[in-house]
């Protein structure tokens, strides 16, 4: 899906990362609207977006989404959500969250913070073994 098509899809499939300006502010990657001050909300990250296969397949059948955080751009009729991105599985600065590797719209792998209580301990071990070159 192209970014031009993104505004017409649902929040469950539209999960591009927000972009950062030169002053390190997050903005909508489609229209450039500054997301600072917009507040964040729970965003469902579909398990089928996780990479590699070892992480995705480690989740039990019936686990369809993980809880993350993100923004909604007011210029896109509340249908376009952007997720936070972290540096790695440690999700530095995020209390009660762990980074999971996921495929986003135009990004083959980004680390997305999800609630640690959504991720059982055996899966945490699998996630921590994922290398950056996946």
N, C-alpha and C. Protein backbone atom coordinates (compact mmCIF):
# COMPACT_ATOMS: atom_id res chain seq x y z
N UNK A 1 0.85 -1.17 0.00
CA UNK A 1 0.00 0.00 0.00
C UNK A 1 0.89 1.23 0.00
N UNK A 2 0.57 2.18 -0.82
CA UNK A 2 1.33 3.42 -0.87
C UNK A 2 0.84 4.38 0.20
N UNK A 3 1.66 5.36 0.53
CA UNK A 3 1.23 6.36 1.51
C UNK A 3 0.03 7.14 0.99
N UNK A 4 -0.09 7.31 -0.29
CA UNK A 4 -1.23 8.04 -0.85
C UNK A 4 -2.54 7.30 -0.56
N UNK A 5 -2.48 5.96 -0.48
CA UNK A 5 -3.67 5.17 -0.21
C UNK A 5 -3.96 5.02 1.27
N UNK A 6 -3.02 5.39 2.11
CA UNK A 6 -3.10 5.09 3.54
C UNK A 6 -4.29 5.73 4.23
N UNK A 7 -4.70 6.91 3.83
CA UNK A 7 -5.76 7.60 4.55
C UNK A 7 -7.11 6.93 4.41
N UNK A 8 -7.26 6.00 3.48
CA UNK A 8 -8.55 5.36 3.30
C UNK A 8 -8.62 3.98 3.94
N UNK A 9 -7.59 3.58 4.69
CA UNK A 9 -7.59 2.26 5.29
C UNK A 9 -7.89 2.34 6.77
N UNK A 10 -8.12 1.20 7.39
CA UNK A 10 -8.46 1.19 8.81
C UNK A 10 -7.21 1.26 9.67
N UNK A 11 -7.41 1.55 10.96
CA UNK A 11 -6.28 1.65 11.88
C UNK A 11 -5.60 0.31 12.07
N UNK A 12 -6.26 -0.79 11.81
CA UNK A 12 -5.63 -2.09 12.02
C UNK A 12 -4.60 -2.41 10.94
N UNK A 13 -4.69 -1.76 9.79
CA UNK A 13 -3.72 -2.04 8.73
C UNK A 13 -2.81 -0.85 8.44
N UNK A 14 -3.17 0.33 8.89
CA UNK A 14 -2.39 1.53 8.60
C UNK A 14 -1.52 1.87 9.80
N UNK A 15 -0.27 1.48 9.76
CA UNK A 15 0.62 1.71 10.88
C UNK A 15 1.99 2.21 10.41
N UNK A 16 2.03 3.34 9.73
CA UNK A 16 3.35 3.87 9.38
C UNK A 16 3.97 4.54 10.59
N UNK A 17 5.29 4.60 10.64
CA UNK A 17 5.89 5.35 11.75
C UNK A 17 5.74 6.85 11.50
N UNK A 18 5.66 7.62 12.59
CA UNK A 18 5.69 9.08 12.45
C UNK A 18 7.09 9.46 11.97
N UNK A 19 7.21 10.58 11.29
CA UNK A 19 8.53 11.05 10.87
C UNK A 19 9.01 12.13 11.83
N UNK A 20 10.31 12.36 11.86
CA UNK A 20 10.87 13.39 12.75
C UNK A 20 11.41 14.54 11.91
N UNK A 21 11.20 15.75 12.41
CA UNK A 21 11.73 16.94 11.74
C UNK A 21 13.16 17.15 12.20
N UNK A 22 13.84 18.14 11.65
CA UNK A 22 15.21 18.44 12.07
C UNK A 22 15.28 18.86 13.53
N UNK A 23 14.17 19.32 14.09
CA UNK A 23 14.14 19.68 15.51
C UNK A 23 13.66 18.51 16.38
N UNK A 24 13.57 17.31 15.77
CA UNK A 24 13.21 16.07 16.46
C UNK A 24 11.75 16.01 16.90
N UNK A 25 10.88 16.76 16.24
CA UNK A 25 9.44 16.68 16.52
C UNK A 25 8.82 15.62 15.61
N UNK A 26 7.86 14.84 16.13
CA UNK A 26 7.17 13.87 15.31
C UNK A 26 6.10 14.55 14.47
N UNK A 27 6.01 14.12 13.20
CA UNK A 27 5.03 14.69 12.27
C UNK A 27 4.37 13.57 11.48
N UNK A 28 3.19 13.87 10.94
CA UNK A 28 2.50 12.95 10.06
C UNK A 28 3.34 12.77 8.80
N UNK A 29 3.65 11.51 8.40
CA UNK A 29 4.47 11.31 7.22
C UNK A 29 3.74 11.60 5.91
N UNK A 30 2.44 11.80 5.98
CA UNK A 30 1.67 12.07 4.75
C UNK A 30 1.50 13.56 4.50
N UNK A 31 1.07 14.29 5.54
CA UNK A 31 0.80 15.71 5.32
C UNK A 31 1.77 16.64 6.05
N UNK A 32 2.61 16.09 6.95
CA UNK A 32 3.58 16.90 7.67
C UNK A 32 3.04 17.60 8.90
N UNK A 33 1.77 17.34 9.26
CA UNK A 33 1.17 17.99 10.42
C UNK A 33 1.94 17.60 11.68
N UNK A 34 2.32 18.57 12.53
CA UNK A 34 3.05 18.23 13.76
C UNK A 34 2.15 17.47 14.73
N UNK A 35 2.63 16.32 15.21
CA UNK A 35 1.85 15.49 16.11
C UNK A 35 2.08 15.83 17.56
N UNK A 36 3.04 16.72 17.82
CA UNK A 36 3.33 17.12 19.20
C UNK A 36 2.08 17.77 19.79
N UNK A 37 1.77 17.41 21.00
CA UNK A 37 0.59 17.97 21.66
C UNK A 37 -0.70 17.28 21.29
N UNK A 38 -0.66 16.31 20.38
CA UNK A 38 -1.87 15.60 19.97
C UNK A 38 -2.27 14.53 20.98
N UNK A 39 -1.34 14.18 21.87
CA UNK A 39 -1.62 13.10 22.81
C UNK A 39 -1.52 11.77 22.10
N UNK A 40 -1.31 10.72 22.88
CA UNK A 40 -1.23 9.40 22.28
C UNK A 40 -2.37 8.55 22.80
N UNK A 41 -2.63 7.47 22.11
CA UNK A 41 -3.69 6.55 22.49
C UNK A 41 -3.20 5.13 22.23
N UNK A 42 -3.95 4.16 22.71
CA UNK A 42 -3.62 2.76 22.45
C UNK A 42 -3.84 2.49 20.97
N UNK A 43 -2.85 1.84 20.36
CA UNK A 43 -2.93 1.43 18.96
C UNK A 43 -2.71 -0.07 18.94
N UNK A 44 -3.58 -0.81 18.27
CA UNK A 44 -3.42 -2.25 18.15
C UNK A 44 -2.41 -2.57 17.05
N UNK A 45 -1.35 -3.28 17.41
CA UNK A 45 -0.34 -3.74 16.45
C UNK A 45 -0.69 -5.18 16.09
N UNK A 46 -1.08 -5.43 14.84
CA UNK A 46 -1.42 -6.80 14.45
C UNK A 46 -0.20 -7.73 14.56
N UNK A 47 -0.39 -8.90 15.17
CA UNK A 47 0.70 -9.87 15.32
C UNK A 47 1.24 -10.28 13.96
N UNK A 48 0.41 -10.28 12.93
CA UNK A 48 0.91 -10.68 11.61
C UNK A 48 1.90 -9.69 11.02
N UNK A 49 2.12 -8.54 11.67
CA UNK A 49 3.13 -7.58 11.24
C UNK A 49 4.50 -7.85 11.86
N UNK A 50 4.57 -8.77 12.84
CA UNK A 50 5.83 -9.04 13.52
C UNK A 50 6.80 -9.77 12.59
N UNK A 51 8.08 -9.48 12.75
CA UNK A 51 9.14 -10.14 12.00
C UNK A 51 10.26 -10.50 12.97
N UNK A 52 11.05 -11.50 12.69
CA UNK A 52 10.92 -12.51 11.66
C UNK A 52 9.84 -13.54 12.02
N UNK A 53 9.75 -14.60 11.22
CA UNK A 53 8.75 -15.64 11.44
C UNK A 53 8.83 -16.24 12.84
N UNK A 54 10.05 -16.35 13.39
CA UNK A 54 10.20 -16.97 14.72
C UNK A 54 9.47 -16.16 15.79
N UNK A 55 9.42 -14.85 15.66
CA UNK A 55 8.70 -14.00 16.62
C UNK A 55 7.20 -14.12 16.38
N UNK A 56 6.80 -13.98 15.13
CA UNK A 56 5.37 -14.02 14.79
C UNK A 56 4.75 -15.37 15.20
N UNK A 57 5.43 -16.46 14.89
CA UNK A 57 4.87 -17.79 15.18
C UNK A 57 4.93 -18.16 16.66
N UNK A 58 5.70 -17.44 17.46
CA UNK A 58 5.80 -17.73 18.89
C UNK A 58 4.52 -17.36 19.64
N UNK A 59 3.72 -16.45 19.10
CA UNK A 59 2.48 -16.07 19.76
C UNK A 59 1.42 -17.14 19.55
N UNK A 60 0.66 -17.41 20.60
CA UNK A 60 -0.37 -18.45 20.56
C UNK A 60 -1.48 -18.07 19.59
N UNK A 61 -2.10 -19.10 19.05
CA UNK A 61 -3.28 -18.87 18.22
C UNK A 61 -4.30 -18.10 19.06
N UNK A 62 -4.96 -17.15 18.45
CA UNK A 62 -5.93 -16.33 19.16
C UNK A 62 -5.38 -15.00 19.63
N UNK A 63 -4.06 -14.84 19.58
CA UNK A 63 -3.45 -13.54 19.89
C UNK A 63 -3.31 -12.80 18.57
N UNK A 64 -4.22 -11.88 18.32
CA UNK A 64 -4.24 -11.18 17.04
C UNK A 64 -3.53 -9.84 17.08
N UNK A 65 -3.55 -9.16 18.23
CA UNK A 65 -2.96 -7.83 18.34
C UNK A 65 -2.21 -7.67 19.65
N UNK A 66 -1.28 -6.71 19.66
CA UNK A 66 -0.56 -6.31 20.85
C UNK A 66 -0.82 -4.83 21.05
N UNK A 67 -0.87 -4.38 22.30
CA UNK A 67 -1.15 -2.98 22.58
C UNK A 67 0.11 -2.13 22.49
N UNK A 68 0.08 -1.11 21.64
CA UNK A 68 1.17 -0.16 21.51
C UNK A 68 0.61 1.22 21.80
N UNK A 69 1.37 2.26 21.46
CA UNK A 69 0.92 3.64 21.61
C UNK A 69 1.18 4.36 20.31
N UNK A 70 0.36 5.34 20.00
CA UNK A 70 0.56 6.10 18.78
C UNK A 70 -0.31 7.34 18.74
N UNK A 71 -0.23 8.01 17.61
CA UNK A 71 -0.97 9.26 17.41
C UNK A 71 -1.94 9.09 16.26
N UNK A 72 -2.94 9.95 16.28
CA UNK A 72 -3.86 10.08 15.16
C UNK A 72 -3.67 11.46 14.59
N UNK A 73 -3.49 11.57 13.27
CA UNK A 73 -3.37 12.87 12.63
C UNK A 73 -4.78 13.42 12.40
N UNK A 74 -5.10 14.60 12.93
CA UNK A 74 -6.45 15.14 12.77
C UNK A 74 -6.81 15.48 11.33
N UNK A 75 -5.84 15.52 10.44
CA UNK A 75 -6.12 15.82 9.04
C UNK A 75 -6.61 14.61 8.25
N UNK A 76 -6.70 13.44 8.89
CA UNK A 76 -7.07 12.22 8.16
C UNK A 76 -8.28 11.52 8.75
N UNK A 77 -9.25 12.26 9.22
CA UNK A 77 -10.56 11.74 9.65
C UNK A 77 -10.48 10.62 10.67
N UNK A 78 -9.51 10.68 11.58
CA UNK A 78 -9.37 9.68 12.64
C UNK A 78 -9.21 8.26 12.11
N UNK A 79 -8.75 8.09 10.88
CA UNK A 79 -8.56 6.76 10.32
C UNK A 79 -7.09 6.39 10.14
N UNK A 80 -6.20 7.30 10.41
CA UNK A 80 -4.79 7.05 10.16
C UNK A 80 -4.01 7.21 11.45
N UNK A 81 -3.41 6.13 11.90
CA UNK A 81 -2.65 6.12 13.14
C UNK A 81 -1.19 5.92 12.84
N UNK A 82 -0.35 6.51 13.67
CA UNK A 82 1.10 6.40 13.54
C UNK A 82 1.65 5.86 14.84
N UNK A 83 2.50 4.86 14.75
CA UNK A 83 3.03 4.24 15.96
C UNK A 83 4.35 4.86 16.37
N UNK A 84 4.65 4.77 17.66
CA UNK A 84 5.95 5.13 18.18
C UNK A 84 6.96 4.10 17.68
N UNK A 85 8.21 4.49 17.58
CA UNK A 85 9.30 3.58 17.23
C UNK A 85 10.38 3.74 18.29
N UNK A 86 10.97 2.62 18.73
CA UNK A 86 12.06 2.64 19.72
C UNK A 86 13.30 2.02 19.08
N UNK A 87 14.42 2.06 19.80
CA UNK A 87 15.69 1.60 19.23
C UNK A 87 15.87 0.09 19.21
N UNK A 88 15.28 -0.61 20.17
CA UNK A 88 15.50 -2.06 20.24
C UNK A 88 14.50 -2.68 21.22
N UNK A 89 14.73 -3.96 21.56
CA UNK A 89 13.83 -4.68 22.46
C UNK A 89 13.76 -4.05 23.84
N UNK A 90 14.79 -3.32 24.25
CA UNK A 90 14.81 -2.69 25.56
C UNK A 90 13.80 -1.57 25.73
N UNK A 91 13.36 -0.95 24.64
CA UNK A 91 12.38 0.14 24.67
C UNK A 91 12.72 1.17 25.74
N UNK A 92 13.95 1.68 25.70
CA UNK A 92 14.43 2.64 26.69
C UNK A 92 13.45 3.80 26.87
N UNK A 93 13.18 4.14 28.11
CA UNK A 93 12.28 5.24 28.41
C UNK A 93 10.81 4.85 28.47
N UNK A 94 10.51 3.60 28.20
CA UNK A 94 9.13 3.13 28.18
C UNK A 94 8.92 2.16 29.34
N UNK A 95 8.31 2.59 30.42
CA UNK A 95 8.03 1.73 31.56
C UNK A 95 6.90 0.77 31.19
N UNK A 96 7.09 -0.49 31.51
CA UNK A 96 6.10 -1.55 31.26
C UNK A 96 5.89 -1.86 29.78
N UNK A 97 6.88 -1.51 28.94
CA UNK A 97 6.82 -1.82 27.51
C UNK A 97 8.08 -2.56 27.09
N UNK A 98 7.99 -3.31 26.01
CA UNK A 98 9.13 -3.98 25.40
C UNK A 98 9.06 -3.70 23.90
N UNK A 99 10.21 -3.56 23.25
CA UNK A 99 10.22 -3.36 21.81
C UNK A 99 10.05 -4.68 21.08
N UNK A 100 9.19 -4.70 20.08
CA UNK A 100 9.02 -5.89 19.23
C UNK A 100 9.34 -5.50 17.79
N UNK A 101 9.99 -6.39 17.05
CA UNK A 101 10.29 -6.09 15.65
C UNK A 101 9.05 -6.29 14.78
N UNK A 102 8.69 -5.26 14.01
CA UNK A 102 7.49 -5.33 13.18
C UNK A 102 7.74 -4.67 11.83
N UNK A 103 6.99 -5.14 10.85
CA UNK A 103 7.02 -4.57 9.50
C UNK A 103 5.94 -3.49 9.45
N UNK A 104 6.35 -2.28 9.08
CA UNK A 104 5.41 -1.18 8.92
C UNK A 104 5.22 -0.93 7.43
N UNK A 105 4.47 0.09 7.08
CA UNK A 105 4.15 0.35 5.68
C UNK A 105 5.35 0.33 4.75
N UNK A 106 6.28 1.23 4.95
CA UNK A 106 7.44 1.33 4.07
C UNK A 106 8.73 0.95 4.78
N UNK A 107 8.62 0.21 5.88
CA UNK A 107 9.77 -0.14 6.69
C UNK A 107 9.78 -1.65 6.91
N UNK A 108 10.81 -2.35 6.42
CA UNK A 108 10.84 -3.80 6.58
C UNK A 108 10.93 -4.26 8.03
N UNK A 109 11.58 -3.45 8.89
CA UNK A 109 11.61 -3.78 10.31
C UNK A 109 11.84 -2.53 11.13
N UNK A 110 10.94 -2.32 12.09
CA UNK A 110 11.08 -1.23 13.06
C UNK A 110 10.76 -1.83 14.42
N UNK A 111 11.35 -1.28 15.46
CA UNK A 111 11.06 -1.74 16.82
C UNK A 111 9.91 -0.90 17.38
N UNK A 112 8.81 -1.57 17.72
CA UNK A 112 7.60 -0.92 18.19
C UNK A 112 7.39 -1.27 19.66
N UNK A 113 7.17 -0.27 20.53
CA UNK A 113 6.91 -0.60 21.94
C UNK A 113 5.51 -1.16 22.12
N UNK A 114 5.43 -2.31 22.83
CA UNK A 114 4.13 -2.91 23.18
C UNK A 114 4.12 -3.21 24.67
N UNK A 115 2.94 -3.32 25.23
CA UNK A 115 2.80 -3.61 26.66
C UNK A 115 3.51 -4.93 26.98
N UNK A 116 4.37 -4.90 27.99
CA UNK A 116 5.14 -6.10 28.33
C UNK A 116 4.23 -7.22 28.81
N UNK A 117 3.07 -6.89 29.40
CA UNK A 117 2.17 -7.94 29.84
C UNK A 117 1.41 -8.60 28.69
N UNK A 118 1.58 -8.10 27.46
CA UNK A 118 1.03 -8.76 26.27
C UNK A 118 2.00 -9.80 25.71
N UNK A 119 3.24 -9.84 26.27
CA UNK A 119 4.29 -10.70 25.71
C UNK A 119 4.77 -11.68 26.79
N UNK A 120 4.41 -12.97 26.67
CA UNK A 120 4.85 -13.96 27.65
C UNK A 120 6.38 -14.09 27.67
N UNK A 121 6.92 -14.49 28.83
CA UNK A 121 8.37 -14.61 29.01
C UNK A 121 9.08 -15.42 27.92
N UNK A 122 8.57 -16.59 27.51
CA UNK A 122 9.28 -17.34 26.45
C UNK A 122 9.41 -16.54 25.15
N UNK A 123 8.42 -15.72 24.85
CA UNK A 123 8.48 -14.91 23.62
C UNK A 123 9.45 -13.75 23.80
N UNK A 124 9.55 -13.22 25.03
CA UNK A 124 10.54 -12.16 25.29
C UNK A 124 11.94 -12.65 24.94
N UNK A 125 12.24 -13.92 25.30
CA UNK A 125 13.57 -14.47 24.97
C UNK A 125 13.78 -14.54 23.46
N UNK A 126 12.74 -14.93 22.72
CA UNK A 126 12.84 -15.00 21.25
C UNK A 126 13.08 -13.61 20.68
N UNK A 127 12.36 -12.62 21.18
CA UNK A 127 12.49 -11.24 20.69
C UNK A 127 13.90 -10.70 20.95
N UNK A 128 14.44 -10.99 22.12
CA UNK A 128 15.77 -10.46 22.47
C UNK A 128 16.88 -11.09 21.64
N UNK A 129 16.60 -12.19 20.96
CA UNK A 129 17.59 -12.82 20.09
C UNK A 129 17.57 -12.27 18.67
N UNK A 130 16.60 -11.44 18.35
CA UNK A 130 16.47 -10.89 16.99
C UNK A 130 17.61 -9.89 16.75
N UNK A 131 18.26 -10.04 15.62
CA UNK A 131 19.35 -9.15 15.26
C UNK A 131 18.80 -8.00 14.41
N UNK A 132 19.57 -6.93 14.31
CA UNK A 132 19.14 -5.78 13.53
C UNK A 132 19.09 -6.02 12.03
N UNK A 133 19.74 -7.07 11.53
CA UNK A 133 19.78 -7.28 10.08
C UNK A 133 18.64 -8.16 9.57
N UNK A 134 17.61 -8.38 10.39
CA UNK A 134 16.47 -9.21 9.98
C UNK A 134 15.69 -8.50 8.91
